[in-house]
Amino acid sequence: MVVRVGDKVIADTTDALTLQEATYPPVYYIPLSDVDESALQRTDHSTYCPYKGDASYYSIGDLENVVWSYETPYPEVAPIEKRVAFYTNKVELTVVNTD
């Protein structure tokens, strides 16, 4: 999986975690270690999910709050800790199937 903003690669991973909630599209959580953290600017924005906990947000350039992370997720979703997700309508996210 590769995430780009314009020509810049923001993330490149073979270890994305897919989370599917109800009828929503799947969300891909990418290990922070596979993300170019220098491209992320933390914002003051936050949200709360009753299933996952409190989310923190990041901007990439002019794209505000386009990345989110559950830094201390609830135990039921602990695998998403130290991972980030991207709004796929704001970045180019390419899923490469190697099967």
N, C-alpha and C. Protein backbone atom coordinates (compact mmCIF):
# COMPACT_ATOMS: atom_id res chain seq x y z
N MET A 1 0.84 -1.17 0.00
CA MET A 1 0.00 0.00 0.00
C MET A 1 0.89 1.23 0.00
N VAL A 2 0.56 2.16 -0.87
CA VAL A 2 1.32 3.40 -0.99
C VAL A 2 0.34 4.56 -0.87
N VAL A 3 0.73 5.57 -0.08
CA VAL A 3 -0.07 6.78 0.07
C VAL A 3 0.75 7.93 -0.48
N ARG A 4 0.13 8.72 -1.39
CA ARG A 4 0.79 9.87 -1.99
C ARG A 4 -0.05 11.12 -1.84
N VAL A 5 0.63 12.23 -1.71
CA VAL A 5 0.01 13.54 -1.83
C VAL A 5 0.78 14.23 -2.94
N GLY A 6 0.12 14.41 -4.06
CA GLY A 6 0.82 14.90 -5.24
C GLY A 6 1.84 13.86 -5.66
N ASP A 7 3.08 14.28 -5.85
CA ASP A 7 4.16 13.36 -6.25
C ASP A 7 4.90 12.78 -5.05
N LYS A 8 4.58 13.25 -3.86
CA LYS A 8 5.32 12.83 -2.66
C LYS A 8 4.71 11.58 -2.03
N VAL A 9 5.55 10.57 -1.81
CA VAL A 9 5.12 9.37 -1.11
C VAL A 9 5.12 9.67 0.39
N ILE A 10 3.97 9.53 1.02
CA ILE A 10 3.82 9.79 2.44
C ILE A 10 3.96 8.50 3.24
N ALA A 11 3.50 7.39 2.67
CA ALA A 11 3.58 6.10 3.35
C ALA A 11 3.75 5.00 2.32
N ASP A 12 4.47 3.97 2.73
CA ASP A 12 4.68 2.79 1.88
C ASP A 12 4.81 1.60 2.82
N THR A 13 3.87 0.67 2.73
CA THR A 13 3.85 -0.44 3.68
C THR A 13 3.33 -1.72 3.07
N THR A 14 3.74 -2.81 3.66
CA THR A 14 3.17 -4.13 3.36
C THR A 14 2.46 -4.65 4.59
N ASP A 15 2.27 -3.76 5.59
CA ASP A 15 1.72 -4.17 6.89
C ASP A 15 0.50 -3.34 7.29
N ALA A 16 -0.36 -3.02 6.33
CA ALA A 16 -1.57 -2.26 6.66
C ALA A 16 -2.58 -3.18 7.33
N LEU A 17 -3.30 -2.61 8.29
CA LEU A 17 -4.37 -3.32 8.99
C LEU A 17 -5.69 -2.75 8.49
N THR A 18 -6.58 -3.61 8.01
CA THR A 18 -7.87 -3.17 7.49
C THR A 18 -8.93 -3.30 8.57
N LEU A 19 -9.66 -2.21 8.82
CA LEU A 19 -10.73 -2.21 9.80
C LEU A 19 -12.03 -1.92 9.06
N GLN A 20 -12.99 -2.81 9.20
CA GLN A 20 -14.29 -2.65 8.54
C GLN A 20 -15.35 -2.46 9.62
N GLU A 21 -16.03 -1.32 9.57
CA GLU A 21 -17.09 -1.03 10.54
C GLU A 21 -18.42 -0.92 9.82
N ALA A 22 -19.37 -1.73 10.25
CA ALA A 22 -20.74 -1.70 9.71
C ALA A 22 -20.71 -1.63 8.19
N THR A 23 -21.41 -0.63 7.63
CA THR A 23 -21.49 -0.51 6.17
C THR A 23 -20.52 0.54 5.63
N TYR A 24 -19.63 1.06 6.47
CA TYR A 24 -18.64 2.04 6.02
C TYR A 24 -17.57 1.37 5.17
N PRO A 25 -16.92 2.14 4.29
CA PRO A 25 -15.80 1.57 3.52
C PRO A 25 -14.68 1.16 4.48
N PRO A 26 -13.85 0.21 4.08
CA PRO A 26 -12.75 -0.20 4.95
C PRO A 26 -11.77 0.96 5.19
N VAL A 27 -11.18 0.95 6.37
CA VAL A 27 -10.16 1.94 6.72
C VAL A 27 -8.85 1.19 6.90
N TYR A 28 -7.79 1.71 6.29
CA TYR A 28 -6.48 1.08 6.37
C TYR A 28 -5.63 1.82 7.39
N TYR A 29 -5.18 1.10 8.39
CA TYR A 29 -4.30 1.66 9.42
C TYR A 29 -2.87 1.21 9.12
N ILE A 30 -2.00 2.19 8.91
CA ILE A 30 -0.63 1.96 8.49
C ILE A 30 0.31 2.20 9.67
N PRO A 31 1.28 1.32 9.87
CA PRO A 31 2.23 1.55 10.97
C PRO A 31 2.92 2.91 10.81
N LEU A 32 2.99 3.63 11.91
CA LEU A 32 3.63 4.94 11.88
C LEU A 32 5.08 4.82 11.41
N SER A 33 5.70 3.70 11.67
CA SER A 33 7.09 3.50 11.24
C SER A 33 7.23 3.42 9.71
N ASP A 34 6.12 3.23 8.99
CA ASP A 34 6.13 3.18 7.53
C ASP A 34 5.64 4.48 6.90
N VAL A 35 5.54 5.52 7.71
CA VAL A 35 5.05 6.83 7.27
C VAL A 35 6.17 7.85 7.37
N ASP A 36 6.24 8.76 6.41
CA ASP A 36 7.19 9.86 6.47
C ASP A 36 6.65 10.87 7.48
N GLU A 37 7.05 10.71 8.73
CA GLU A 37 6.52 11.54 9.81
C GLU A 37 6.86 13.02 9.63
N SER A 38 7.91 13.32 8.87
CA SER A 38 8.27 14.73 8.65
C SER A 38 7.21 15.45 7.82
N ALA A 39 6.35 14.70 7.12
CA ALA A 39 5.29 15.29 6.31
C ALA A 39 4.04 15.60 7.13
N LEU A 40 3.96 15.07 8.35
CA LEU A 40 2.77 15.23 9.18
C LEU A 40 2.93 16.41 10.14
N GLN A 41 1.90 17.23 10.21
CA GLN A 41 1.86 18.32 11.19
C GLN A 41 0.67 18.08 12.11
N ARG A 42 0.96 17.85 13.38
CA ARG A 42 -0.11 17.59 14.35
C ARG A 42 -1.00 18.83 14.49
N THR A 43 -2.30 18.62 14.61
CA THR A 43 -3.24 19.73 14.79
C THR A 43 -3.90 19.59 16.16
N ASP A 44 -4.70 20.59 16.51
CA ASP A 44 -5.43 20.56 17.78
C ASP A 44 -6.75 19.80 17.65
N HIS A 45 -7.10 19.40 16.44
CA HIS A 45 -8.38 18.72 16.21
C HIS A 45 -8.37 17.33 16.85
N SER A 46 -9.50 16.94 17.42
CA SER A 46 -9.64 15.59 17.97
C SER A 46 -11.10 15.19 17.87
N THR A 47 -11.33 13.89 17.86
CA THR A 47 -12.69 13.36 17.85
C THR A 47 -12.74 12.17 18.80
N TYR A 48 -13.95 11.76 19.11
CA TYR A 48 -14.15 10.63 20.00
C TYR A 48 -15.00 9.57 19.29
N CYS A 49 -14.58 8.33 19.38
CA CYS A 49 -15.35 7.20 18.85
C CYS A 49 -15.66 6.28 20.03
N PRO A 50 -16.92 5.91 20.23
CA PRO A 50 -17.25 5.05 21.37
C PRO A 50 -16.66 3.65 21.25
N TYR A 51 -16.19 3.27 20.08
CA TYR A 51 -15.62 1.93 19.87
C TYR A 51 -14.10 1.90 19.92
N LYS A 52 -13.48 3.05 19.58
CA LYS A 52 -12.01 3.08 19.49
C LYS A 52 -11.35 4.03 20.49
N GLY A 53 -12.04 5.09 20.89
CA GLY A 53 -11.48 6.06 21.83
C GLY A 53 -11.28 7.42 21.20
N ASP A 54 -10.27 8.15 21.68
CA ASP A 54 -9.99 9.51 21.22
C ASP A 54 -8.99 9.48 20.06
N ALA A 55 -9.31 10.22 19.01
CA ALA A 55 -8.45 10.29 17.83
C ALA A 55 -7.74 11.64 17.79
N SER A 56 -6.47 11.61 17.43
CA SER A 56 -5.67 12.81 17.18
C SER A 56 -5.51 12.95 15.68
N TYR A 57 -5.31 14.19 15.22
CA TYR A 57 -5.27 14.44 13.78
C TYR A 57 -3.99 15.15 13.36
N TYR A 58 -3.67 14.97 12.07
CA TYR A 58 -2.50 15.57 11.46
C TYR A 58 -2.90 16.14 10.10
N SER A 59 -2.19 17.18 9.71
CA SER A 59 -2.34 17.75 8.38
C SER A 59 -1.10 17.40 7.57
N ILE A 60 -1.27 17.44 6.26
CA ILE A 60 -0.15 17.28 5.33
C ILE A 60 -0.22 18.49 4.40
N GLY A 61 0.70 19.42 4.57
CA GLY A 61 0.67 20.64 3.77
C GLY A 61 -0.65 21.37 3.95
N ASP A 62 -1.35 21.64 2.84
CA ASP A 62 -2.62 22.36 2.89
C ASP A 62 -3.81 21.45 3.21
N LEU A 63 -3.59 20.16 3.29
CA LEU A 63 -4.66 19.21 3.58
C LEU A 63 -4.82 19.09 5.10
N GLU A 64 -5.82 19.78 5.63
CA GLU A 64 -6.00 19.82 7.08
C GLU A 64 -6.71 18.57 7.61
N ASN A 65 -6.19 18.06 8.71
CA ASN A 65 -6.82 16.93 9.42
C ASN A 65 -7.12 15.75 8.50
N VAL A 66 -6.16 15.41 7.67
CA VAL A 66 -6.32 14.36 6.67
C VAL A 66 -5.84 12.99 7.18
N VAL A 67 -5.17 13.00 8.32
CA VAL A 67 -4.61 11.78 8.92
C VAL A 67 -5.08 11.72 10.36
N TRP A 68 -5.42 10.51 10.82
CA TRP A 68 -5.79 10.39 12.23
C TRP A 68 -5.16 9.15 12.85
N SER A 69 -5.10 9.19 14.17
CA SER A 69 -4.46 8.12 14.93
C SER A 69 -5.16 7.98 16.28
N TYR A 70 -5.32 6.75 16.72
CA TYR A 70 -5.80 6.46 18.07
C TYR A 70 -4.58 6.07 18.88
N GLU A 71 -4.03 7.03 19.60
CA GLU A 71 -2.77 6.80 20.31
C GLU A 71 -2.92 5.85 21.50
N THR A 72 -4.09 5.88 22.13
CA THR A 72 -4.38 4.94 23.22
C THR A 72 -5.78 4.35 22.97
N PRO A 73 -5.87 3.47 21.97
CA PRO A 73 -7.18 2.91 21.64
C PRO A 73 -7.69 1.98 22.74
N TYR A 74 -8.98 1.73 22.71
CA TYR A 74 -9.56 0.78 23.65
C TYR A 74 -8.96 -0.60 23.42
N PRO A 75 -8.91 -1.44 24.45
CA PRO A 75 -8.28 -2.76 24.33
C PRO A 75 -8.83 -3.61 23.18
N GLU A 76 -10.10 -3.45 22.87
CA GLU A 76 -10.72 -4.26 21.80
C GLU A 76 -10.11 -3.97 20.43
N VAL A 77 -9.54 -2.79 20.26
CA VAL A 77 -8.92 -2.42 18.98
C VAL A 77 -7.45 -2.06 19.16
N ALA A 78 -6.82 -2.66 20.14
CA ALA A 78 -5.41 -2.37 20.46
C ALA A 78 -4.47 -2.49 19.26
N PRO A 79 -4.73 -3.36 18.28
CA PRO A 79 -3.80 -3.46 17.13
C PRO A 79 -3.65 -2.16 16.32
N ILE A 80 -4.58 -1.19 16.46
CA ILE A 80 -4.44 0.05 15.69
C ILE A 80 -3.53 1.06 16.38
N GLU A 81 -3.04 0.74 17.58
CA GLU A 81 -2.10 1.62 18.27
C GLU A 81 -0.82 1.75 17.45
N LYS A 82 -0.25 2.95 17.43
CA LYS A 82 0.97 3.26 16.67
C LYS A 82 0.77 3.10 15.16
N ARG A 83 -0.48 3.32 14.73
CA ARG A 83 -0.84 3.30 13.31
C ARG A 83 -1.62 4.55 12.99
N VAL A 84 -1.62 4.93 11.72
CA VAL A 84 -2.38 6.09 11.27
C VAL A 84 -3.26 5.68 10.10
N ALA A 85 -4.32 6.45 9.91
CA ALA A 85 -5.22 6.24 8.78
C ALA A 85 -5.35 7.56 8.02
N PHE A 86 -5.69 7.45 6.75
CA PHE A 86 -5.77 8.61 5.87
C PHE A 86 -7.18 8.71 5.28
N TYR A 87 -7.67 9.94 5.12
CA TYR A 87 -8.91 10.13 4.38
C TYR A 87 -8.63 9.87 2.91
N THR A 88 -9.19 8.80 2.39
CA THR A 88 -8.87 8.37 1.03
C THR A 88 -9.45 9.30 -0.04
N ASN A 89 -10.36 10.18 0.34
CA ASN A 89 -10.86 11.16 -0.63
C ASN A 89 -9.96 12.39 -0.70
N LYS A 90 -8.91 12.42 0.13
CA LYS A 90 -7.99 13.58 0.17
C LYS A 90 -6.58 13.22 -0.30
N VAL A 91 -6.21 11.95 -0.23
CA VAL A 91 -4.89 11.49 -0.65
C VAL A 91 -5.07 10.38 -1.68
N GLU A 92 -4.01 10.05 -2.37
CA GLU A 92 -4.05 8.92 -3.30
C GLU A 92 -3.53 7.69 -2.55
N LEU A 93 -4.40 6.74 -2.34
CA LEU A 93 -4.03 5.52 -1.62
C LEU A 93 -4.15 4.37 -2.61
N THR A 94 -3.03 3.69 -2.85
CA THR A 94 -2.99 2.60 -3.81
C THR A 94 -2.76 1.29 -3.06
N VAL A 95 -3.68 0.36 -3.26
CA VAL A 95 -3.54 -0.96 -2.67
C VAL A 95 -2.99 -1.87 -3.75
N VAL A 96 -1.85 -2.47 -3.46
CA VAL A 96 -1.21 -3.37 -4.41
C VAL A 96 -1.40 -4.79 -3.91
N ASN A 97 -2.05 -5.62 -4.69
CA ASN A 97 -2.26 -7.01 -4.32
C ASN A 97 -1.09 -7.84 -4.86
N THR A 98 -0.37 -8.49 -3.97
CA THR A 98 0.78 -9.27 -4.39
C THR A 98 0.49 -10.77 -4.42
N ASP A 99 -0.78 -11.13 -4.25
CA ASP A 99 -1.14 -12.57 -4.29
C ASP A 99 -1.04 -13.13 -5.69
